[in-house]
Amino acid sequence: MGSFRFRRRIKIIPGLWLNLSKSGVSTSIGGKGLTVNLKDGKTKTTIGLPGTGMSYSETLTDSHKPEDGKQPEPSGQIAHPFFWIILFTAIIVYALS
């Protein structure tokens, strides 16, 4: 059985979008190759290679809003190596185009 989906993207200014869906409202900043989406204290960063269909996404929660009232401990974790490969490649592709 299928499911009903709704999504509407409204351009505010070049590089800034307002996204409407069944689950709520979010804001996207960026464009081809790099987009940052902000919604409900979460930040989703997507880096892709335009025209290839390849991308990498990572979602981070807002560290200023701990869910249990305790201060978050730093994890010392850096971004996944694939993130840096896609970012570097996207920068090269953008610079050469």
C-alpha atoms as a PDB file:
ATOM      1  CA  MET A   1       0.000   0.000   0.000  1.00  0.00           C
ATOM      2  CA  GLY A   2       1.291   3.469  -0.809  1.00  0.00           C
ATOM      3  CA  SER A   3       1.552   6.544   1.352  1.00  0.00           C
ATOM      4  CA  PHE A   4       0.674  10.171   0.746  1.00  0.00           C
ATOM      5  CA  ARG A   5       3.562  12.657   0.798  1.00  0.00           C
ATOM      6  CA  PHE A   6       3.587  16.441   0.628  1.00  0.00           C
ATOM      7  CA  ARG A   7       6.554  18.735   0.049  1.00  0.00           C
ATOM      8  CA  ARG A   8       6.711  22.321  -1.162  1.00  0.00           C
ATOM      9  CA  ARG A   9       9.905  24.352  -1.551  1.00  0.00           C
ATOM     10  CA  ILE A  10       9.648  28.154  -1.757  1.00  0.00           C
ATOM     11  CA  LYS A  11      12.635  30.302  -2.798  1.00  0.00           C
ATOM     12  CA  ILE A  12      13.017  33.311  -0.473  1.00  0.00           C
ATOM     13  CA  ILE A  13      16.196  34.688  -2.080  1.00  0.00           C
ATOM     14  CA  PRO A  14      18.866  32.894  -4.113  1.00  0.00           C
ATOM     15  CA  GLY A  15      20.393  30.283  -1.822  1.00  0.00           C
ATOM     16  CA  LEU A  16      17.657  30.474   0.863  1.00  0.00           C
ATOM     17  CA  TRP A  17      14.612  28.182   0.792  1.00  0.00           C
ATOM     18  CA  LEU A  18      11.544  27.636   2.964  1.00  0.00           C
ATOM     19  CA  ASN A  19      10.468  23.972   2.947  1.00  0.00           C
ATOM     20  CA  LEU A  20       6.914  22.905   3.790  1.00  0.00           C
ATOM     21  CA  SER A  21       5.924  19.281   4.358  1.00  0.00           C
ATOM     22  CA  LYS A  22       3.521  17.104   6.348  1.00  0.00           C
ATOM     23  CA  SER A  23       6.081  16.943   9.153  1.00  0.00           C
ATOM     24  CA  GLY A  24       6.534  20.732   9.423  1.00  0.00           C
ATOM     25  CA  VAL A  25       8.542  23.696   8.209  1.00  0.00           C
ATOM     26  CA  SER A  26      12.308  23.907   7.697  1.00  0.00           C
ATOM     27  CA  THR A  27      14.848  26.251   6.154  1.00  0.00           C
ATOM     28  CA  SER A  28      17.550  25.327   3.639  1.00  0.00           C
ATOM     29  CA  ILE A  29      20.633  27.401   2.903  1.00  0.00           C
ATOM     30  CA  GLY A  30      22.951  26.696  -0.007  1.00  0.00           C
ATOM     31  CA  GLY A  31      22.624  25.268  -3.455  1.00  0.00           C
ATOM     32  CA  LYS A  32      24.112  22.667  -5.731  1.00  0.00           C
ATOM     33  CA  GLY A  33      26.900  20.821  -3.992  1.00  0.00           C
ATOM     34  CA  LEU A  34      26.323  22.024  -0.423  1.00  0.00           C
ATOM     35  CA  THR A  35      23.072  22.485   1.493  1.00  0.00           C
ATOM     36  CA  VAL A  36      22.407  23.046   5.194  1.00  0.00           C
ATOM     37  CA  ASN A  37      18.872  22.324   6.442  1.00  0.00           C
ATOM     38  CA  LEU A  38      17.637  23.656   9.803  1.00  0.00           C
ATOM     39  CA  LYS A  39      14.590  22.188  11.578  1.00  0.00           C
ATOM     40  CA  ASP A  40      13.581  21.641  15.214  1.00  0.00           C
ATOM     41  CA  GLY A  41      17.067  22.160  16.665  1.00  0.00           C
ATOM     42  CA  LYS A  42      18.669  19.775  14.178  1.00  0.00           C
ATOM     43  CA  THR A  43      21.089  20.632  11.405  1.00  0.00           C
ATOM     44  CA  LYS A  44      21.389  18.408   8.360  1.00  0.00           C
ATOM     45  CA  THR A  45      24.333  19.049   6.067  1.00  0.00           C
ATOM     46  CA  THR A  46      24.378  17.524   2.594  1.00  0.00           C
ATOM     47  CA  ILE A  47      27.410  17.633   0.326  1.00  0.00           C
ATOM     48  CA  GLY A  48      27.108  16.301  -3.198  1.00  0.00           C
ATOM     49  CA  LEU A  49      28.689  16.183  -6.588  1.00  0.00           C
ATOM     50  CA  PRO A  50      26.325  18.044  -8.925  1.00  0.00           C
ATOM     51  CA  GLY A  51      25.215  15.981 -11.888  1.00  0.00           C
ATOM     52  CA  THR A  52      26.391  12.648 -10.460  1.00  0.00           C
ATOM     53  CA  GLY A  53      23.619  11.784  -8.011  1.00  0.00           C
ATOM     54  CA  MET A  54      26.245  11.134  -5.311  1.00  0.00           C
ATOM     55  CA  SER A  55      25.897  12.876  -1.962  1.00  0.00           C
ATOM     56  CA  TYR A  56      26.678  12.491   1.723  1.00  0.00           C
ATOM     57  CA  SER A  57      24.367  13.708   4.519  1.00  0.00           C
ATOM     58  CA  GLU A  58      24.997  14.073   8.219  1.00  0.00           C
ATOM     59  CA  THR A  59      22.462  15.170  10.853  1.00  0.00           C
ATOM     60  CA  LEU A  60      23.568  16.893  14.039  1.00  0.00           C
ATOM     61  CA  THR A  61      21.406  17.751  17.040  1.00  0.00           C
ATOM     62  CA  ASP A  62      21.591  21.135  18.726  1.00  0.00           C
ATOM     63  CA  SER A  63      24.086  20.780  21.586  1.00  0.00           C
ATOM     64  CA  HIS A  64      22.523  23.791  23.333  1.00  0.00           C
ATOM     65  CA  LYS A  65      19.289  21.864  23.996  1.00  0.00           C
ATOM     66  CA  PRO A  66      20.129  18.734  25.975  1.00  0.00           C
ATOM     67  CA  GLU A  67      17.127  16.410  26.167  1.00  0.00           C
ATOM     68  CA  ASP A  68      17.690  15.268  29.766  1.00  0.00           C
ATOM     69  CA  GLY A  69      18.757  18.629  31.214  1.00  0.00           C
ATOM     70  CA  LYS A  70      22.430  17.626  31.533  1.00  0.00           C
ATOM     71  CA  GLN A  71      25.269  19.353  29.746  1.00  0.00           C
ATOM     72  CA  PRO A  72      26.445  17.362  26.718  1.00  0.00           C
ATOM     73  CA  GLU A  73      29.929  15.899  26.885  1.00  0.00           C
ATOM     74  CA  PRO A  74      32.200  16.562  23.903  1.00  0.00           C
ATOM     75  CA  SER A  75      32.621  13.407  21.881  1.00  0.00           C
ATOM     76  CA  GLY A  76      35.875  14.329  20.156  1.00  0.00           C
ATOM     77  CA  GLN A  77      34.394  12.873  16.981  1.00  0.00           C
ATOM     78  CA  ILE A  78      35.313  14.378  13.621  1.00  0.00           C
ATOM     79  CA  ALA A  79      33.260  14.110  10.453  1.00  0.00           C
ATOM     80  CA  HIS A  80      33.265  10.846   8.541  1.00  0.00           C
ATOM     81  CA  PRO A  81      36.186  10.591   6.038  1.00  0.00           C
ATOM     82  CA  PHE A  82      33.696  10.237   3.171  1.00  0.00           C
ATOM     83  CA  PHE A  83      32.375  13.700   4.117  1.00  0.00           C
ATOM     84  CA  TRP A  84      35.800  15.231   3.470  1.00  0.00           C
ATOM     85  CA  ILE A  85      36.270  13.342   0.189  1.00  0.00           C
ATOM     86  CA  ILE A  86      32.925  14.590  -1.154  1.00  0.00           C
ATOM     87  CA  LEU A  87      33.580  18.139   0.123  1.00  0.00           C
ATOM     88  CA  PHE A  88      37.011  18.291  -1.504  1.00  0.00           C
ATOM     89  CA  THR A  89      35.693  16.851  -4.781  1.00  0.00           C
ATOM     90  CA  ALA A  90      32.718  19.254  -4.789  1.00  0.00           C
ATOM     91  CA  ILE A  91      35.066  22.217  -4.302  1.00  0.00           C
ATOM     92  CA  ILE A  92      37.281  21.050  -7.188  1.00  0.00           C
ATOM     93  CA  VAL A  93      34.280  20.476  -9.498  1.00  0.00           C
ATOM     94  CA  TYR A  94      32.841  23.884  -8.586  1.00  0.00           C
ATOM     95  CA  ALA A  95      36.186  25.618  -9.149  1.00  0.00           C
ATOM     96  CA  LEU A  96      36.644  24.007 -12.554  1.00  0.00           C
ATOM     97  CA  SER A  97      33.132  24.801 -13.800  1.00  0.00           C
END
